[in-house]
């Protein structure tokens, strides 16, 4: 800011400058600035990513804008640029966070929870039934897939997540003794069941959904020759 000096008036030449008076507004303004800095400092990139994900789920990708998120978080737009170059940078980080949480971290956790592939298979089948966590994950997944229908960056993220998840399923079936081509087919079918169960979670009672899961487990473990014999 540039301070401009005014030419002295006839009265001001004979008088010393009046001392500056402290006002009540100065401490209040300082406190407001300090408060704003504190809020801005307390927000992390993850805070913005979480807010963006919530808006994405509740309102759609068109509402994931800097001004909307700043209003949700109670800060100024300028605070956003402490952490992100622009909106596109944020959107990339949203997709990266989703992929890490819903695919990479989850796969690592499932792979290390049990040594036996049959137990790993049972864990995978149970994913759509894990209460509020599963319901929240399904809502986020649905919102991102809707976004992917109109955006190439989101489409690539979804395709990569699907491929990685199916790949983990294939490893389970390979460990169960199925040959590679058949393991791949079974992996795709099982993953399709999981996605459908997440989207159709209102279809049937809890007991019916559990019965479907048990049937899918039995079906996925049954060799094709035995299945063909049973069909006759």
C-alpha atoms as a PDB file:
ATOM      1  CA  UNK A   1       0.000   0.000   0.000  1.00  0.00           C
ATOM      2  CA  UNK A   2       1.284   3.546  -0.865  1.00  0.00           C
ATOM      3  CA  UNK A   3       0.645   6.386   1.621  1.00  0.00           C
ATOM      4  CA  UNK A   4       0.003   9.739  -0.087  1.00  0.00           C
ATOM      5  CA  UNK A   5       0.836  12.993   1.805  1.00  0.00           C
ATOM      6  CA  UNK A   6      -1.523  15.944   1.462  1.00  0.00           C
ATOM      7  CA  UNK A   7      -0.203  19.530   1.183  1.00  0.00           C
ATOM      8  CA  UNK A   8      -0.345  21.362   4.543  1.00  0.00           C
ATOM      9  CA  UNK A   9      -3.261  23.754   5.115  1.00  0.00           C
ATOM     10  CA  UNK A  10      -3.020  27.238   6.600  1.00  0.00           C
ATOM     11  CA  UNK A  11      -4.058  25.957  10.031  1.00  0.00           C
ATOM     12  CA  UNK A  12      -1.884  22.889  10.038  1.00  0.00           C
ATOM     13  CA  UNK A  13       1.361  24.861   9.527  1.00  0.00           C
ATOM     14  CA  UNK A  14       1.179  26.397  13.032  1.00  0.00           C
ATOM     15  CA  UNK A  15       0.136  23.269  14.890  1.00  0.00           C
ATOM     16  CA  UNK A  16       2.103  20.189  15.798  1.00  0.00           C
ATOM     17  CA  UNK A  17       0.682  16.967  14.507  1.00  0.00           C
ATOM     18  CA  UNK A  18      -1.918  15.531  16.848  1.00  0.00           C
ATOM     19  CA  UNK A  19      -0.812  12.340  18.562  1.00  0.00           C
ATOM     20  CA  UNK A  20      -2.259   9.163  17.184  1.00  0.00           C
ATOM     21  CA  UNK A  21      -5.137   7.840  19.256  1.00  0.00           C
ATOM     22  CA  UNK A  22      -5.604   4.146  19.917  1.00  0.00           C
ATOM     23  CA  UNK A  23      -8.979   2.879  18.902  1.00  0.00           C
ATOM     24  CA  UNK A  24     -10.881  -0.189  19.923  1.00  0.00           C
ATOM     25  CA  UNK A  25     -10.926  -1.361  16.315  1.00  0.00           C
ATOM     26  CA  UNK A  26      -7.176  -1.935  16.127  1.00  0.00           C
ATOM     27  CA  UNK A  27      -7.007  -4.832  18.624  1.00  0.00           C
ATOM     28  CA  UNK A  28     -10.142  -6.330  17.079  1.00  0.00           C
ATOM     29  CA  UNK A  29      -8.661  -6.154  13.601  1.00  0.00           C
ATOM     30  CA  UNK A  30      -5.403  -7.660  14.817  1.00  0.00           C
ATOM     31  CA  UNK A  31      -7.294 -10.463  16.513  1.00  0.00           C
ATOM     32  CA  UNK A  32      -9.263 -11.117  13.335  1.00  0.00           C
ATOM     33  CA  UNK A  33      -6.050 -11.344  11.309  1.00  0.00           C
ATOM     34  CA  UNK A  34      -4.449 -13.602  13.902  1.00  0.00           C
ATOM     35  CA  UNK A  35      -7.580 -15.744  13.988  1.00  0.00           C
ATOM     36  CA  UNK A  36      -7.617 -16.043  10.222  1.00  0.00           C
ATOM     37  CA  UNK A  37      -3.954 -17.013  10.196  1.00  0.00           C
ATOM     38  CA  UNK A  38      -4.621 -19.619  12.880  1.00  0.00           C
ATOM     39  CA  UNK A  39      -7.479 -21.157  10.904  1.00  0.00           C
ATOM     40  CA  UNK A  40      -5.442 -21.114   7.718  1.00  0.00           C
ATOM     41  CA  UNK A  41      -2.466 -22.695   9.483  1.00  0.00           C
ATOM     42  CA  UNK A  42      -4.624 -25.387  11.050  1.00  0.00           C
ATOM     43  CA  UNK A  43      -6.032 -26.489   7.692  1.00  0.00           C
ATOM     44  CA  UNK A  44      -4.030 -29.165   5.930  1.00  0.00           C
ATOM     45  CA  UNK A  45      -4.279 -30.331   2.323  1.00  0.00           C
ATOM     46  CA  UNK A  46      -6.216 -33.283   3.704  1.00  0.00           C
ATOM     47  CA  UNK A  47      -8.799 -30.874   5.153  1.00  0.00           C
ATOM     48  CA  UNK A  48      -9.496 -29.486   1.688  1.00  0.00           C
ATOM     49  CA  UNK A  49      -9.484 -32.951   0.111  1.00  0.00           C
ATOM     50  CA  UNK A  50     -11.988 -34.224   2.681  1.00  0.00           C
ATOM     51  CA  UNK A  51     -14.225 -31.196   2.158  1.00  0.00           C
ATOM     52  CA  UNK A  52     -14.007 -31.617  -1.618  1.00  0.00           C
ATOM     53  CA  UNK A  53     -14.940 -35.288  -1.338  1.00  0.00           C
ATOM     54  CA  UNK A  54     -17.955 -34.464   0.830  1.00  0.00           C
ATOM     55  CA  UNK A  55     -19.181 -31.843  -1.638  1.00  0.00           C
ATOM     56  CA  UNK A  56     -18.584 -34.269  -4.513  1.00  0.00           C
ATOM     57  CA  UNK A  57     -20.775 -36.897  -2.841  1.00  0.00           C
ATOM     58  CA  UNK A  58     -23.517 -34.518  -1.732  1.00  0.00           C
ATOM     59  CA  UNK A  59     -23.666 -32.061  -4.638  1.00  0.00           C
ATOM     60  CA  UNK A  60     -21.667 -33.403  -7.587  1.00  0.00           C
ATOM     61  CA  UNK A  61     -18.416 -32.455  -9.282  1.00  0.00           C
ATOM     62  CA  UNK A  62     -19.706 -29.113 -10.631  1.00  0.00           C
ATOM     63  CA  UNK A  63     -19.965 -27.813  -7.056  1.00  0.00           C
ATOM     64  CA  UNK A  64     -16.408 -28.759  -6.124  1.00  0.00           C
ATOM     65  CA  UNK A  65     -15.139 -25.197  -6.478  1.00  0.00           C
ATOM     66  CA  UNK A  66     -12.731 -23.141  -4.438  1.00  0.00           C
ATOM     67  CA  UNK A  67     -15.373 -20.638  -3.308  1.00  0.00           C
ATOM     68  CA  UNK A  68     -17.765 -23.389  -2.204  1.00  0.00           C
ATOM     69  CA  UNK A  69     -15.070 -25.227  -0.262  1.00  0.00           C
ATOM     70  CA  UNK A  70     -13.791 -22.038   1.361  1.00  0.00           C
ATOM     71  CA  UNK A  71     -17.320 -21.343   2.554  1.00  0.00           C
ATOM     72  CA  UNK A  72     -17.660 -24.870   3.922  1.00  0.00           C
ATOM     73  CA  UNK A  73     -14.377 -24.546   5.807  1.00  0.00           C
ATOM     74  CA  UNK A  74     -14.979 -20.968   6.949  1.00  0.00           C
ATOM     75  CA  UNK A  75     -11.853 -19.482   5.391  1.00  0.00           C
ATOM     76  CA  UNK A  76     -10.988 -17.179   2.509  1.00  0.00           C
ATOM     77  CA  UNK A  77     -10.281 -18.318  -1.031  1.00  0.00           C
ATOM     78  CA  UNK A  78      -6.672 -17.256  -0.548  1.00  0.00           C
ATOM     79  CA  UNK A  79      -6.188 -19.976   2.038  1.00  0.00           C
ATOM     80  CA  UNK A  80      -6.712 -22.570  -0.679  1.00  0.00           C
ATOM     81  CA  UNK A  81      -3.600 -21.485  -2.566  1.00  0.00           C
ATOM     82  CA  UNK A  82      -1.351 -22.259   0.369  1.00  0.00           C
ATOM     83  CA  UNK A  83      -1.802 -25.936  -0.504  1.00  0.00           C
ATOM     84  CA  UNK A  84      -2.891 -26.211  -4.158  1.00  0.00           C
ATOM     85  CA  UNK A  85      -1.925 -24.563  -7.426  1.00  0.00           C
ATOM     86  CA  UNK A  86      -5.478 -24.505  -8.740  1.00  0.00           C
ATOM     87  CA  UNK A  87      -8.745 -26.448  -8.811  1.00  0.00           C
ATOM     88  CA  UNK A  88      -7.304 -29.081 -11.143  1.00  0.00           C
ATOM     89  CA  UNK A  89      -4.512 -29.727  -8.678  1.00  0.00           C
ATOM     90  CA  UNK A  90      -7.093 -30.306  -5.950  1.00  0.00           C
ATOM     91  CA  UNK A  91      -9.125 -32.663  -8.137  1.00  0.00           C
ATOM     92  CA  UNK A  92      -6.033 -34.723  -8.890  1.00  0.00           C
ATOM     93  CA  UNK A  93      -5.318 -34.962  -5.183  1.00  0.00           C
ATOM     94  CA  UNK A  94      -8.906 -36.027  -4.461  1.00  0.00           C
ATOM     95  CA  UNK A  95      -8.551 -38.894  -6.921  1.00  0.00           C
ATOM     96  CA  UNK A  96      -5.144 -39.852  -5.556  1.00  0.00           C
ATOM     97  CA  UNK A  97      -6.453 -39.903  -1.982  1.00  0.00           C
ATOM     98  CA  UNK A  98      -9.439 -42.019  -3.009  1.00  0.00           C
ATOM     99  CA  UNK A  99      -7.250 -44.507  -4.891  1.00  0.00           C
ATOM    100  CA  UNK A 100      -4.804 -44.799  -2.005  1.00  0.00           C
ATOM    101  CA  UNK A 101      -7.491 -45.277   0.632  1.00  0.00           C
ATOM    102  CA  UNK A 102      -9.948 -47.468  -1.251  1.00  0.00           C
ATOM    103  CA  UNK A 103      -7.517 -49.581  -3.241  1.00  0.00           C
ATOM    104  CA  UNK A 104      -3.851 -49.531  -2.193  1.00  0.00           C
ATOM    105  CA  UNK A 105      -4.325 -49.356   1.588  1.00  0.00           C
ATOM    106  CA  UNK A 106      -7.326 -51.689   1.555  1.00  0.00           C
ATOM    107  CA  UNK A 107      -5.546 -54.290  -0.569  1.00  0.00           C
ATOM    108  CA  UNK A 108      -2.499 -54.227   1.708  1.00  0.00           C
ATOM    109  CA  UNK A 109      -4.704 -54.652   4.761  1.00  0.00           C
ATOM    110  CA  UNK A 110      -6.638 -57.552   3.234  1.00  0.00           C
ATOM    111  CA  UNK A 111      -3.497 -59.281   1.990  1.00  0.00           C
ATOM    112  CA  UNK A 112      -1.828 -59.215   5.407  1.00  0.00           C
ATOM    113  CA  UNK A 113      -4.877 -59.975   7.560  1.00  0.00           C
ATOM    114  CA  UNK A 114      -4.850 -63.697   6.738  1.00  0.00           C
ATOM    115  CA  UNK A 115      -2.261 -66.061   5.360  1.00  0.00           C
ATOM    116  CA  UNK A 116      -4.780 -68.480   3.899  1.00  0.00           C
ATOM    117  CA  UNK A 117      -6.254 -67.492   0.491  1.00  0.00           C
ATOM    118  CA  UNK A 118      -9.681 -68.874   1.431  1.00  0.00           C
ATOM    119  CA  UNK A 119      -9.841 -66.460   4.375  1.00  0.00           C
ATOM    120  CA  UNK A 120      -8.721 -63.655   2.083  1.00  0.00           C
ATOM    121  CA  UNK A 121     -11.527 -64.586  -0.302  1.00  0.00           C
ATOM    122  CA  UNK A 122     -14.056 -64.475   2.533  1.00  0.00           C
ATOM    123  CA  UNK A 123     -12.768 -61.044   3.558  1.00  0.00           C
ATOM    124  CA  UNK A 124     -13.193 -59.714   0.029  1.00  0.00           C
ATOM    125  CA  UNK A 125     -16.749 -61.049  -0.204  1.00  0.00           C
ATOM    126  CA  UNK A 126     -17.616 -59.398   3.124  1.00  0.00           C
ATOM    127  CA  UNK A 127     -16.517 -55.889   2.079  1.00  0.00           C
ATOM    128  CA  UNK A 128     -19.988 -54.619   1.039  1.00  0.00           C
ATOM    129  CA  UNK A 129     -21.405 -55.663   4.426  1.00  0.00           C
ATOM    130  CA  UNK A 130     -19.124 -53.686   6.725  1.00  0.00           C
ATOM    131  CA  UNK A 131     -21.653 -51.249   8.119  1.00  0.00           C
ATOM    132  CA  UNK A 132     -21.268 -47.487   7.931  1.00  0.00           C
ATOM    133  CA  UNK A 133     -17.750 -47.661   6.572  1.00  0.00           C
ATOM    134  CA  UNK A 134     -18.945 -49.721   3.612  1.00  0.00           C
ATOM    135  CA  UNK A 135     -21.920 -47.417   3.041  1.00  0.00           C
ATOM    136  CA  UNK A 136     -19.692 -44.318   3.060  1.00  0.00           C
ATOM    137  CA  UNK A 137     -17.188 -45.954   0.716  1.00  0.00           C
ATOM    138  CA  UNK A 138     -19.996 -46.926  -1.657  1.00  0.00           C
ATOM    139  CA  UNK A 139     -21.328 -43.350  -1.770  1.00  0.00           C
ATOM    140  CA  UNK A 140     -17.882 -41.981  -2.583  1.00  0.00           C
ATOM    141  CA  UNK A 141     -17.344 -44.670  -5.200  1.00  0.00           C
ATOM    142  CA  UNK A 142     -20.660 -43.916  -6.874  1.00  0.00           C
ATOM    143  CA  UNK A 143     -19.901 -40.181  -6.977  1.00  0.00           C
ATOM    144  CA  UNK A 144     -16.463 -40.735  -8.481  1.00  0.00           C
ATOM    145  CA  UNK A 145     -17.829 -43.139 -11.095  1.00  0.00           C
ATOM    146  CA  UNK A 146     -20.461 -40.559 -12.051  1.00  0.00           C
ATOM    147  CA  UNK A 147     -17.666 -37.983 -12.365  1.00  0.00           C
ATOM    148  CA  UNK A 148     -15.647 -40.436 -14.493  1.00  0.00           C
ATOM    149  CA  UNK A 149     -18.440 -40.586 -17.068  1.00  0.00           C
ATOM    150  CA  UNK A 150     -17.613 -37.034 -18.128  1.00  0.00           C
ATOM    151  CA  UNK A 151     -13.973 -36.509 -17.178  1.00  0.00           C
ATOM    152  CA  UNK A 152     -10.945 -38.342 -18.560  1.00  0.00           C
ATOM    153  CA  UNK A 153      -8.778 -37.843 -15.459  1.00  0.00           C
ATOM    154  CA  UNK A 154     -11.419 -39.422 -13.243  1.00  0.00           C
ATOM    155  CA  UNK A 155     -11.974 -42.164 -15.814  1.00  0.00           C
ATOM    156  CA  UNK A 156      -8.299 -43.091 -15.717  1.00  0.00           C
ATOM    157  CA  UNK A 157      -8.344 -43.216 -11.912  1.00  0.00           C
ATOM    158  CA  UNK A 158     -11.399 -45.498 -11.884  1.00  0.00           C
ATOM    159  CA  UNK A 159      -9.935 -47.778 -14.569  1.00  0.00           C
ATOM    160  CA  UNK A 160      -6.671 -48.067 -12.623  1.00  0.00           C
ATOM    161  CA  UNK A 161      -8.532 -48.852  -9.380  1.00  0.00           C
ATOM    162  CA  UNK A 162     -10.664 -51.516 -11.061  1.00  0.00           C
ATOM    163  CA  UNK A 163      -7.603 -53.139 -12.622  1.00  0.00           C
ATOM    164  CA  UNK A 164      -5.697 -53.176  -9.329  1.00  0.00           C
ATOM    165  CA  UNK A 165      -8.623 -54.671  -7.401  1.00  0.00           C
ATOM    166  CA  UNK A 166      -9.257 -57.356 -10.012  1.00  0.00           C
ATOM    167  CA  UNK A 167      -5.534 -58.092  -9.968  1.00  0.00           C
ATOM    168  CA  UNK A 168      -5.637 -58.728  -6.228  1.00  0.00           C
ATOM    169  CA  UNK A 169      -8.651 -61.009  -6.668  1.00  0.00           C
ATOM    170  CA  UNK A 170      -6.759 -62.909  -9.372  1.00  0.00           C
ATOM    171  CA  UNK A 171      -3.873 -63.466  -6.960  1.00  0.00           C
ATOM    172  CA  UNK A 172      -6.293 -65.017  -4.452  1.00  0.00           C
ATOM    173  CA  UNK A 173      -7.673 -67.450  -7.020  1.00  0.00           C
ATOM    174  CA  UNK A 174      -4.174 -68.306  -8.233  1.00  0.00           C
ATOM    175  CA  UNK A 175      -3.193 -69.078  -4.650  1.00  0.00           C
ATOM    176  CA  UNK A 176      -6.279 -71.280  -4.408  1.00  0.00           C
ATOM    177  CA  UNK A 177      -4.910 -73.383  -7.256  1.00  0.00           C
ATOM    178  CA  UNK A 178      -6.788 -72.092 -10.283  1.00  0.00           C
ATOM    179  CA  UNK A 179      -4.886 -71.672 -13.551  1.00  0.00           C
ATOM    180  CA  UNK A 180      -4.142 -68.098 -14.619  1.00  0.00           C
ATOM    181  CA  UNK A 181      -6.846 -67.705 -17.319  1.00  0.00           C
ATOM    182  CA  UNK A 182      -9.553 -69.123 -15.067  1.00  0.00           C
ATOM    183  CA  UNK A 183      -8.292 -67.134 -12.078  1.00  0.00           C
ATOM    184  CA  UNK A 184      -8.682 -63.955 -14.124  1.00  0.00           C
ATOM    185  CA  UNK A 185     -12.251 -64.814 -15.111  1.00  0.00           C
ATOM    186  CA  UNK A 186     -13.232 -65.687 -11.543  1.00  0.00           C
ATOM    187  CA  UNK A 187     -11.614 -62.467 -10.311  1.00  0.00           C
ATOM    188  CA  UNK A 188     -13.715 -60.400 -12.710  1.00  0.00           C
ATOM    189  CA  UNK A 189     -16.934 -62.195 -11.739  1.00  0.00           C
ATOM    190  CA  UNK A 190     -16.255 -61.797  -8.014  1.00  0.00           C
ATOM    191  CA  UNK A 191     -15.423 -58.112  -8.403  1.00  0.00           C
ATOM    192  CA  UNK A 192     -18.618 -57.592 -10.395  1.00  0.00           C
ATOM    193  CA  UNK A 193     -20.566 -59.193  -7.539  1.00  0.00           C
ATOM    194  CA  UNK A 194     -18.959 -56.853  -4.981  1.00  0.00           C
ATOM    195  CA  UNK A 195     -19.773 -53.750  -7.026  1.00  0.00           C
ATOM    196  CA  UNK A 196     -23.351 -54.909  -7.571  1.00  0.00           C
ATOM    197  CA  UNK A 197     -23.840 -55.744  -3.890  1.00  0.00           C
ATOM    198  CA  UNK A 198     -22.607 -52.276  -2.928  1.00  0.00           C
ATOM    199  CA  UNK A 199     -24.977 -50.567  -5.365  1.00  0.00           C
ATOM    200  CA  UNK A 200     -27.943 -52.847  -4.656  1.00  0.00           C
ATOM    201  CA  UNK A 201     -27.540 -52.900  -0.881  1.00  0.00           C
ATOM    202  CA  UNK A 202     -31.294 -52.365  -0.377  1.00  0.00           C
ATOM    203  CA  UNK A 203     -32.168 -55.553  -2.231  1.00  0.00           C
ATOM    204  CA  UNK A 204     -33.157 -58.202   0.293  1.00  0.00           C
ATOM    205  CA  UNK A 205     -32.938 -58.521   4.045  1.00  0.00           C
ATOM    206  CA  UNK A 206     -29.704 -58.901   5.971  1.00  0.00           C
ATOM    207  CA  UNK A 207     -30.253 -62.659   6.062  1.00  0.00           C
ATOM    208  CA  UNK A 208     -30.820 -62.763   2.292  1.00  0.00           C
ATOM    209  CA  UNK A 209     -27.679 -60.761   1.617  1.00  0.00           C
ATOM    210  CA  UNK A 210     -25.679 -63.069   3.872  1.00  0.00           C
ATOM    211  CA  UNK A 211     -27.127 -66.070   2.024  1.00  0.00           C
ATOM    212  CA  UNK A 212     -26.041 -64.520  -1.301  1.00  0.00           C
ATOM    213  CA  UNK A 213     -22.535 -64.011   0.055  1.00  0.00           C
ATOM    214  CA  UNK A 214     -22.325 -67.624   1.214  1.00  0.00           C
ATOM    215  CA  UNK A 215     -23.547 -68.834  -2.183  1.00  0.00           C
ATOM    216  CA  UNK A 216     -20.993 -66.681  -4.015  1.00  0.00           C
ATOM    217  CA  UNK A 217     -18.195 -68.026  -1.827  1.00  0.00           C
ATOM    218  CA  UNK A 218     -19.258 -71.586  -2.541  1.00  0.00           C
ATOM    219  CA  UNK A 219     -19.578 -70.865  -6.252  1.00  0.00           C
ATOM    220  CA  UNK A 220     -16.188 -69.168  -6.499  1.00  0.00           C
ATOM    221  CA  UNK A 221     -14.449 -72.097  -4.829  1.00  0.00           C
ATOM    222  CA  UNK A 222     -16.109 -74.762  -6.943  1.00  0.00           C
ATOM    223  CA  UNK A 223     -14.088 -76.054  -9.930  1.00  0.00           C
ATOM    224  CA  UNK A 224     -15.725 -75.739 -13.315  1.00  0.00           C
ATOM    225  CA  UNK A 225     -15.852 -79.519 -13.835  1.00  0.00           C
ATOM    226  CA  UNK A 226     -17.773 -79.976 -10.587  1.00  0.00           C
ATOM    227  CA  UNK A 227     -20.087 -77.094 -11.474  1.00  0.00           C
ATOM    228  CA  UNK A 228     -20.816 -78.628 -14.875  1.00  0.00           C
ATOM    229  CA  UNK A 229     -21.530 -82.009 -13.287  1.00  0.00           C
ATOM    230  CA  UNK A 230     -23.887 -80.415 -10.789  1.00  0.00           C
ATOM    231  CA  UNK A 231     -25.723 -78.599 -13.587  1.00  0.00           C
ATOM    232  CA  UNK A 232     -26.618 -81.895 -15.245  1.00  0.00           C
END
